[in-house]
Amino acid sequence: MDDVEDVFGRLRRYPDVEALNLYAVDAADRLILDAAADAIEKAGSGKIAVIGDNYGALTLGAIVRHDLREVRVHQDLLTGELALANNARTLGLADRYTAHALTEELLSGVEVVLLRLPRVLAGLAEVADAIARYADPGVSVIAGGRDKYLTKSMNDVLAESFSTVLASRGRQKSRTLFVEGPKPVGDPRFPVRECLDEVGIEVVAHGAAFSGPRLDIGTRFLLQHLKWMKPDARDAIDLGCGTGILAVALAKARPALRVVGTDQSAAAVASARATASANDVADRVTVVRDDAMSSAADNSADLVLCNPPFHVGAAVHTGSAIKMFAETGRVLRPGGELWTVYNTHLNYRGVVERMVGHTEVIGRNRKFTVTRSVRGLHDVRQR
């Protein structure tokens, strides 16, 4: 255990936001590893999968504690995937695990799954279905999280795919669920499809994609301003594209526009690609998995649309949004525009003006504010 605590002490969240109140390991990680110890020891190398590991605590903790190899890992968020890779390299453990999509390759023959419970129930349903569908029939799932984010509905969702779902006693405001007995599976439940008549778009959504197949109210408000967004734009980016509604709406409204959708969620990227295909704009909408446009070239876009998050994991934190704004200032061409919709109480206007350029409020309703920021003709000053 001393070795595991040494590992935990060296973990970082980078390239995700780092701050004094944001941690790379928590009590739920420790509890999951303790609760799964006997099952992991019995299964051994090649039979363990980890799903939803935040920054590597579960994967690297299990590897060190049980001297494992061939651990299979799925992380929806790219920042988590990159953090695990960085931490594994630092600790000399990069050859002990492999990264996978949520597919049969991840789960075939797996006897133990360590799972950080996602807060989105549809995301949990898709994970549970995949485990029941592909893992060993005798698989044990040890799922956990912080008490304040666990709900009885999670038990119900897991019970749709498994015959046994038992809750542990709490420890340090965390709890685990012990899940066994995969039920027979029918056709895959995900992705789901829904036609949004109000915007004329068919949406395809995997479970973990933000807002699922629905049109969230922030995106709806931003769409109302679509016709005013930089009419002469040639290249546009939907930053944090989710299921791709904004990217597809832009492509349908402006046939000459090249659109890139970016998101760090693997589920969102798969959803947005499928949404573009379902609406016959896949030839003009490219979707990439990226961390806040980090792979986009300087001065490469005329228009960026952004509905930024204000949570980093479970913590209320504006660091992710600020990172998005900073990258936008780099990626926009001079004269390019950033259109942002955000919860009015966050008051991002000053931050966006500093990082992108002159910013004005274009619309405001009871909950949201829409702003337009114009990149200056000279380089954005050093930040």
Protein backbone atom coordinates (compact mmCIF):
# COMPACT_ATOMS: atom_id res chain seq x y z
CA MET A 1 0.00 0.00 0.00
CA ASP A 2 2.91 2.34 0.61
CA ASP A 3 3.84 1.93 -3.06
CA VAL A 4 0.28 2.79 -4.12
CA GLU A 5 0.26 5.92 -1.95
CA ASP A 6 3.58 6.92 -3.50
CA VAL A 7 1.97 6.58 -6.93
CA PHE A 8 -1.01 8.66 -5.83
CA GLY A 9 1.26 11.35 -4.50
CA ARG A 10 2.92 11.73 -7.89
CA LEU A 11 -0.19 11.88 -10.05
CA ARG A 12 -1.06 15.07 -11.93
CA ARG A 13 -4.19 16.20 -13.75
CA TYR A 14 -2.23 17.83 -16.62
CA PRO A 15 -3.20 18.64 -19.38
CA ASP A 16 -6.53 19.18 -17.62
CA VAL A 17 -6.99 22.24 -15.44
CA GLU A 18 -4.87 22.19 -12.29
CA ALA A 19 -5.74 24.17 -9.16
CA LEU A 20 -5.47 23.86 -5.38
CA ASN A 21 -9.06 22.57 -5.08
CA LEU A 22 -8.77 20.08 -7.95
CA TYR A 23 -7.23 16.65 -7.32
CA ALA A 24 -5.91 13.77 -9.41
CA VAL A 25 -7.05 11.11 -6.91
CA ASP A 26 -9.85 10.98 -4.38
CA ALA A 27 -11.42 8.74 -1.73
CA ALA A 28 -13.63 7.00 -4.30
CA ASP A 29 -10.57 5.82 -6.24
CA ARG A 30 -9.10 4.37 -3.06
CA LEU A 31 -12.37 2.69 -2.10
CA ILE A 32 -12.85 1.08 -5.53
CA LEU A 33 -9.33 -0.37 -5.42
CA ASP A 34 -9.84 -1.72 -1.89
CA ALA A 35 -13.23 -3.22 -2.71
CA ALA A 36 -11.90 -4.87 -5.87
CA ALA A 37 -8.65 -6.19 -4.39
CA ASP A 38 -9.68 -9.85 -4.00
CA ALA A 39 -11.35 -10.00 -7.41
CA ILE A 40 -8.34 -8.44 -9.13
CA GLU A 41 -5.95 -10.82 -7.40
CA LYS A 42 -8.03 -13.79 -8.52
CA ALA A 43 -8.40 -12.63 -12.14
CA GLY A 44 -4.83 -11.46 -12.75
CA SER A 45 -3.23 -9.83 -15.77
CA GLY A 46 -5.12 -9.63 -19.05
CA LYS A 47 -8.53 -9.92 -17.38
CA ILE A 48 -8.94 -6.42 -15.95
CA ALA A 49 -10.61 -3.41 -17.56
CA VAL A 50 -10.88 0.13 -16.19
CA ILE A 51 -13.61 2.49 -17.39
CA GLY A 52 -13.91 6.17 -16.57
CA ASP A 53 -10.58 6.57 -14.77
CA ASN A 54 -10.21 10.29 -14.17
CA TYR A 55 -6.43 10.74 -14.29
CA GLY A 56 -4.95 7.28 -13.82
CA ALA A 57 -5.46 6.54 -10.12
CA LEU A 58 -7.49 3.38 -10.74
CA THR A 59 -5.35 2.06 -13.59
CA LEU A 60 -1.94 2.78 -12.09
CA GLY A 61 -3.06 1.98 -8.54
CA ALA A 62 -4.26 -1.47 -9.63
CA ILE A 63 -1.12 -2.09 -11.70
CA VAL A 64 1.22 -1.27 -8.82
CA ARG A 65 -0.79 -2.95 -6.09
CA HIS A 66 -1.26 -6.24 -8.01
CA ASP A 67 1.74 -6.13 -10.40
CA LEU A 68 -0.61 -6.22 -13.39
CA ARG A 69 0.04 -6.14 -17.09
CA GLU A 70 -2.31 -5.92 -20.08
CA VAL A 71 -4.85 -3.74 -18.30
CA ARG A 72 -7.42 -2.41 -20.77
CA VAL A 73 -8.67 1.16 -20.27
CA HIS A 74 -11.47 3.30 -21.67
CA GLN A 75 -11.71 7.02 -20.86
CA ASP A 76 -14.31 9.16 -22.58
CA LEU A 77 -12.45 12.43 -21.99
CA LEU A 78 -9.22 13.09 -23.87
CA THR A 79 -7.76 15.07 -20.96
CA GLY A 80 -8.08 12.00 -18.75
CA GLU A 81 -6.53 9.80 -21.41
CA LEU A 82 -3.59 12.17 -21.81
CA ALA A 83 -3.17 12.57 -18.05
CA LEU A 84 -3.03 8.80 -17.59
CA ALA A 85 -0.45 8.53 -20.38
CA ASN A 86 1.69 11.30 -18.84
CA ASN A 87 1.47 9.81 -15.36
CA ALA A 88 2.23 6.31 -16.65
CA ARG A 89 5.34 7.55 -18.45
CA THR A 90 6.52 9.40 -15.35
CA LEU A 91 6.14 6.23 -13.28
CA GLY A 92 7.65 3.90 -15.89
CA LEU A 93 4.36 2.02 -16.35
CA ALA A 94 3.38 3.01 -19.88
CA ASP A 95 3.74 -0.56 -21.16
CA ARG A 96 1.35 -2.01 -18.56
CA TYR A 97 -1.96 -0.86 -20.11
CA THR A 98 -3.64 -0.17 -23.46
CA ALA A 99 -6.31 2.40 -24.35
CA HIS A 100 -9.50 1.34 -26.14
CA ALA A 101 -12.84 2.61 -27.35
CA LEU A 102 -15.99 1.30 -25.66
CA THR A 103 -16.07 -1.83 -27.82
CA GLU A 104 -15.68 -5.59 -27.70
CA GLU A 105 -11.89 -5.17 -27.89
CA LEU A 106 -11.98 -3.42 -24.50
CA LEU A 107 -14.08 -6.04 -22.76
CA SER A 108 -13.72 -9.44 -24.43
CA GLY A 109 -12.70 -12.02 -21.81
CA VAL A 110 -12.58 -9.44 -19.02
CA GLU A 111 -13.43 -10.80 -15.56
CA VAL A 112 -13.14 -7.61 -13.47
CA VAL A 113 -14.19 -4.06 -14.40
CA LEU A 114 -13.28 -1.06 -12.28
CA LEU A 115 -15.73 1.74 -13.04
CA ARG A 116 -15.95 5.37 -11.98
CA LEU A 117 -19.68 5.99 -12.14
CA PRO A 118 -20.49 8.68 -14.71
CA ARG A 119 -22.97 11.34 -13.68
CA VAL A 120 -24.90 11.03 -16.95
CA LEU A 121 -27.29 8.08 -16.64
CA ALA A 122 -27.39 7.46 -20.38
CA GLY A 123 -23.60 7.18 -20.34
CA LEU A 124 -23.83 4.61 -17.54
CA ALA A 125 -26.50 2.69 -19.48
CA GLU A 126 -24.24 2.44 -22.55
CA VAL A 127 -21.29 1.29 -20.43
CA ALA A 128 -23.41 -1.31 -18.61
CA ASP A 129 -24.78 -2.64 -21.89
CA ALA A 130 -21.27 -2.96 -23.33
CA ILE A 131 -19.99 -4.87 -20.28
CA ALA A 132 -22.98 -7.22 -20.28
CA ARG A 133 -22.63 -7.72 -24.03
CA TYR A 134 -18.89 -8.33 -24.34
CA ALA A 135 -17.27 -9.27 -21.00
CA ASP A 136 -16.88 -12.73 -19.49
CA PRO A 137 -20.27 -14.05 -18.21
CA GLY A 138 -18.76 -14.24 -14.73
CA VAL A 139 -17.60 -10.61 -14.77
CA SER A 140 -17.58 -8.59 -11.56
CA VAL A 141 -18.03 -4.84 -11.83
CA ILE A 142 -16.86 -2.68 -8.94
CA ALA A 143 -18.30 0.76 -9.56
CA GLY A 144 -17.90 3.77 -7.32
CA GLY A 145 -18.04 7.48 -6.81
CA ARG A 146 -18.52 10.26 -4.30
CA ASP A 147 -21.73 10.02 -2.27
CA LYS A 148 -23.07 13.41 -3.32
CA TYR A 149 -23.09 12.39 -6.98
CA LEU A 150 -24.59 8.92 -6.54
CA THR A 151 -28.32 8.34 -6.99
CA LYS A 152 -30.70 5.40 -6.69
CA SER A 153 -31.28 5.78 -10.43
CA MET A 154 -27.74 4.50 -11.02
CA ASN A 155 -28.67 1.22 -9.32
CA ASP A 156 -31.76 1.00 -11.50
CA VAL A 157 -29.78 1.62 -14.69
CA LEU A 158 -27.25 -1.07 -13.79
CA ALA A 159 -30.08 -3.47 -12.91
CA GLU A 160 -31.32 -3.22 -16.50
CA SER A 161 -28.17 -5.07 -17.62
CA PHE A 162 -27.22 -7.09 -14.49
CA SER A 163 -29.09 -9.35 -12.05
CA THR A 164 -27.10 -8.31 -8.95
CA VAL A 165 -26.44 -4.73 -7.85
CA LEU A 166 -25.34 -4.35 -4.21
CA ALA A 167 -24.24 -1.14 -2.51
CA SER A 168 -21.33 -1.06 -0.07
CA ARG A 169 -21.20 0.85 3.17
CA GLY A 170 -19.87 4.35 2.74
CA ARG A 171 -16.33 5.42 3.50
CA GLN A 172 -14.98 8.96 3.45
CA LYS A 173 -18.13 10.17 1.66
CA SER A 174 -17.68 7.57 -1.08
CA ARG A 175 -19.45 4.33 -1.94
CA THR A 176 -19.17 1.37 -4.30
CA LEU A 177 -21.68 -0.80 -6.12
CA PHE A 178 -20.88 -4.48 -6.64
CA VAL A 179 -22.44 -5.65 -9.92
CA GLU A 180 -22.66 -9.20 -11.31
CA GLY A 181 -24.78 -11.46 -13.50
CA PRO A 182 -25.01 -10.03 -17.02
CA LYS A 183 -28.53 -10.31 -18.42
CA PRO A 184 -29.20 -11.44 -22.00
CA VAL A 185 -28.75 -8.54 -24.42
CA GLY A 186 -30.79 -7.58 -27.45
CA ASP A 187 -29.98 -5.02 -30.09
CA PRO A 188 -27.63 -2.25 -28.89
CA ARG A 189 -29.53 0.65 -27.28
CA PHE A 190 -27.02 3.27 -28.38
CA PRO A 191 -26.60 5.49 -30.24
CA VAL A 192 -30.10 6.95 -30.12
CA ARG A 193 -31.67 9.14 -32.81
CA GLU A 194 -34.12 12.00 -32.60
CA CYS A 195 -35.39 14.48 -35.18
CA LEU A 196 -35.41 18.07 -33.92
CA ASP A 197 -38.12 19.60 -36.04
CA GLU A 198 -37.53 23.11 -34.71
CA VAL A 199 -34.07 23.22 -36.30
CA GLY A 200 -34.54 20.59 -38.99
CA ILE A 201 -31.73 18.34 -37.77
CA GLU A 202 -31.64 14.62 -37.01
CA VAL A 203 -29.43 14.14 -33.94
CA VAL A 204 -27.50 10.94 -33.20
CA ALA A 205 -26.26 10.59 -29.62
CA HIS A 206 -24.17 8.12 -27.67
CA GLY A 207 -24.87 7.85 -23.97
CA ALA A 208 -22.13 10.09 -22.60
CA ALA A 209 -22.72 12.94 -25.07
CA PHE A 210 -23.83 16.18 -23.41
CA SER A 211 -27.62 16.69 -23.55
CA GLY A 212 -28.12 13.43 -25.44
CA PRO A 213 -30.30 13.77 -28.56
CA ARG A 214 -31.99 16.91 -27.23
CA LEU A 215 -31.34 20.57 -28.00
CA ASP A 216 -29.99 22.19 -24.84
CA ILE A 217 -31.31 25.64 -24.06
CA GLY A 218 -27.97 27.40 -24.42
CA THR A 219 -27.42 26.00 -27.91
CA ARG A 220 -31.00 26.89 -28.84
CA PHE A 221 -30.38 30.54 -27.86
CA LEU A 222 -27.09 30.69 -29.79
CA LEU A 223 -28.76 29.22 -32.88
CA GLN A 224 -31.17 32.16 -32.93
CA HIS A 225 -28.20 34.36 -33.85
CA LEU A 226 -26.83 32.15 -36.62
CA LYS A 227 -27.66 34.51 -39.51
CA TRP A 228 -25.59 37.34 -37.99
CA MET A 229 -22.40 35.30 -37.55
CA LYS A 230 -19.58 36.54 -39.84
CA PRO A 231 -21.24 36.25 -43.26
CA ASP A 232 -17.95 36.03 -45.19
CA ALA A 233 -16.48 33.21 -43.07
CA ARG A 234 -14.75 30.42 -44.97
CA ASP A 235 -13.62 28.22 -42.06
CA ALA A 236 -15.60 27.71 -38.86
CA ILE A 237 -15.05 25.70 -35.69
CA ASP A 238 -17.72 24.40 -33.32
CA LEU A 239 -15.65 24.29 -30.13
CA GLY A 240 -16.99 21.68 -27.71
CA CYS A 241 -19.35 20.41 -30.39
CA GLY A 242 -21.23 17.78 -28.37
CA THR A 243 -23.59 15.95 -30.73
CA GLY A 244 -22.74 18.38 -33.54
CA ILE A 245 -25.95 20.42 -33.70
CA LEU A 246 -24.21 23.78 -34.16
CA ALA A 247 -21.73 22.41 -36.71
CA VAL A 248 -24.49 20.80 -38.76
CA ALA A 249 -26.72 23.87 -38.56
CA LEU A 250 -23.87 26.03 -39.86
CA ALA A 251 -23.09 23.62 -42.70
CA LYS A 252 -26.74 23.40 -43.75
CA ALA A 253 -27.20 27.18 -43.68
CA ARG A 254 -23.96 27.93 -45.57
CA PRO A 255 -23.04 25.34 -48.19
CA ALA A 256 -19.70 27.04 -48.99
CA LEU A 257 -18.50 26.99 -45.37
CA ARG A 258 -15.97 24.44 -44.13
CA VAL A 259 -16.83 23.40 -40.55
CA VAL A 260 -14.76 21.56 -37.95
CA GLY A 261 -16.35 20.23 -34.78
CA THR A 262 -14.03 19.56 -31.85
CA ASP A 263 -14.70 17.89 -28.51
CA GLN A 264 -12.58 16.02 -25.99
CA SER A 265 -15.35 13.45 -25.37
CA ALA A 266 -15.07 10.27 -27.44
CA ALA A 267 -18.85 9.84 -27.17
CA ALA A 268 -19.43 13.39 -28.43
CA VAL A 269 -17.08 12.94 -31.38
CA ALA A 270 -18.76 9.69 -32.42
CA SER A 271 -22.17 11.36 -32.03
CA ALA A 272 -21.24 14.47 -34.02
CA ARG A 273 -19.81 12.40 -36.88
CA ALA A 274 -22.99 10.34 -37.00
CA THR A 275 -25.15 13.49 -36.82
CA ALA A 276 -23.26 15.04 -39.74
CA SER A 277 -23.73 11.87 -41.76
CA ALA A 278 -27.43 11.64 -40.91
CA ASN A 279 -27.93 15.19 -42.22
CA ASP A 280 -25.89 14.67 -45.40
CA VAL A 281 -23.17 17.19 -44.52
CA ALA A 282 -20.36 14.78 -43.62
CA ASP A 283 -18.43 16.01 -46.67
CA ARG A 284 -18.31 19.52 -45.18
CA VAL A 285 -18.20 18.81 -41.43
CA THR A 286 -15.02 17.30 -40.00
CA VAL A 287 -15.10 16.18 -36.36
CA VAL A 288 -11.93 15.70 -34.30
CA ARG A 289 -11.26 14.65 -30.73
CA ASP A 290 -9.17 17.46 -29.34
CA ASP A 291 -8.46 19.36 -26.13
CA ALA A 292 -9.72 22.93 -26.66
CA MET A 293 -8.47 23.16 -30.29
CA SER A 294 -4.89 22.42 -29.26
CA SER A 295 -4.22 20.77 -32.64
CA ALA A 296 -5.68 23.64 -34.71
CA ALA A 297 -3.20 25.90 -36.49
CA ASP A 298 -2.72 29.56 -35.59
CA ASN A 299 -4.84 31.99 -37.63
CA SER A 300 -6.80 29.17 -39.25
CA ALA A 301 -10.48 30.02 -38.60
CA ASP A 302 -12.79 32.91 -39.39
CA LEU A 303 -15.56 31.89 -36.99
CA VAL A 304 -15.66 29.97 -33.71
CA LEU A 305 -18.83 29.01 -31.86
CA CYS A 306 -18.62 28.02 -28.21
CA ASN A 307 -21.03 26.95 -25.47
CA PRO A 308 -18.38 26.56 -22.74
CA PRO A 309 -18.65 24.36 -19.64
CA PHE A 310 -18.44 25.80 -16.16
CA HIS A 311 -17.72 22.50 -14.39
CA VAL A 312 -14.41 20.67 -14.26
CA GLY A 313 -15.48 17.17 -13.35
CA ALA A 314 -17.53 17.61 -10.21
CA ALA A 315 -16.13 20.98 -9.20
CA VAL A 316 -17.55 24.30 -10.28
CA HIS A 317 -14.58 25.88 -12.00
CA THR A 318 -14.14 28.21 -14.97
CA GLY A 319 -10.67 26.98 -15.91
CA SER A 320 -11.85 24.90 -18.88
CA ALA A 321 -13.74 27.84 -20.39
CA ILE A 322 -10.74 30.15 -19.97
CA LYS A 323 -8.56 27.57 -21.70
CA MET A 324 -11.05 27.53 -24.60
CA PHE A 325 -11.01 31.32 -24.89
CA ALA A 326 -7.21 31.43 -24.87
CA GLU A 327 -7.02 28.90 -27.70
CA THR A 328 -9.66 30.81 -29.66
CA GLY A 329 -7.53 33.96 -29.53
CA ARG A 330 -4.71 31.95 -31.11
CA VAL A 331 -6.77 30.14 -33.75
CA LEU A 332 -8.90 33.01 -35.08
CA ARG A 333 -7.66 35.02 -38.02
CA PRO A 334 -7.56 38.82 -37.61
CA GLY A 335 -11.14 40.01 -37.97
CA GLY A 336 -12.44 36.57 -37.07
CA GLU A 337 -15.36 36.21 -34.68
CA LEU A 338 -16.05 34.16 -31.56
CA TRP A 339 -19.72 33.73 -30.70
CA THR A 340 -20.23 32.50 -27.16
CA VAL A 341 -23.29 31.58 -25.12
CA TYR A 342 -22.88 31.24 -21.37
CA ASN A 343 -24.77 31.36 -18.10
CA THR A 344 -25.15 35.08 -17.42
CA HIS A 345 -23.97 34.85 -13.81
CA LEU A 346 -20.50 33.75 -15.01
CA ASN A 347 -19.89 37.16 -16.63
CA TYR A 348 -17.25 35.93 -19.08
CA ARG A 349 -17.26 39.14 -21.13
CA GLY A 350 -14.13 40.65 -19.62
CA VAL A 351 -12.17 37.40 -19.89
CA VAL A 352 -13.14 36.91 -23.54
CA GLU A 353 -12.26 40.50 -24.40
CA ARG A 354 -8.81 40.09 -22.89
CA MET A 355 -8.08 36.80 -24.64
CA VAL A 356 -9.80 37.27 -28.00
CA GLY A 357 -10.66 40.90 -28.70
CA HIS A 358 -13.42 43.51 -28.58
CA THR A 359 -16.53 41.86 -27.15
CA GLU A 360 -20.14 43.00 -27.18
CA VAL A 361 -23.32 41.49 -25.80
CA ILE A 362 -25.60 40.52 -28.69
CA GLY A 363 -28.41 38.82 -26.79
CA ARG A 364 -29.54 38.08 -23.26
CA ASN A 365 -32.48 36.20 -21.82
CA ARG A 366 -33.39 35.15 -18.29
CA LYS A 367 -30.52 32.63 -18.09
CA PHE A 368 -28.03 33.09 -20.92
CA THR A 369 -25.89 35.75 -22.56
CA VAL A 370 -24.66 35.65 -26.17
CA THR A 371 -21.54 37.66 -27.02
CA ARG A 372 -19.59 38.36 -30.20
CA SER A 373 -15.83 38.87 -29.91
CA VAL A 374 -13.73 40.13 -32.82
CA ARG A 375 -10.06 39.26 -33.10
CA GLY A 376 -8.03 42.45 -33.59
CA LEU A 377 -6.00 43.13 -36.72
CA HIS A 378 -2.82 42.82 -34.67
CA ASP A 379 -1.69 39.77 -32.72
CA VAL A 380 -3.58 39.20 -29.51
CA ARG A 381 -1.32 40.42 -26.73
CA GLN A 382 0.57 37.92 -24.65
CA ARG A 383 -1.55 36.22 -22.03
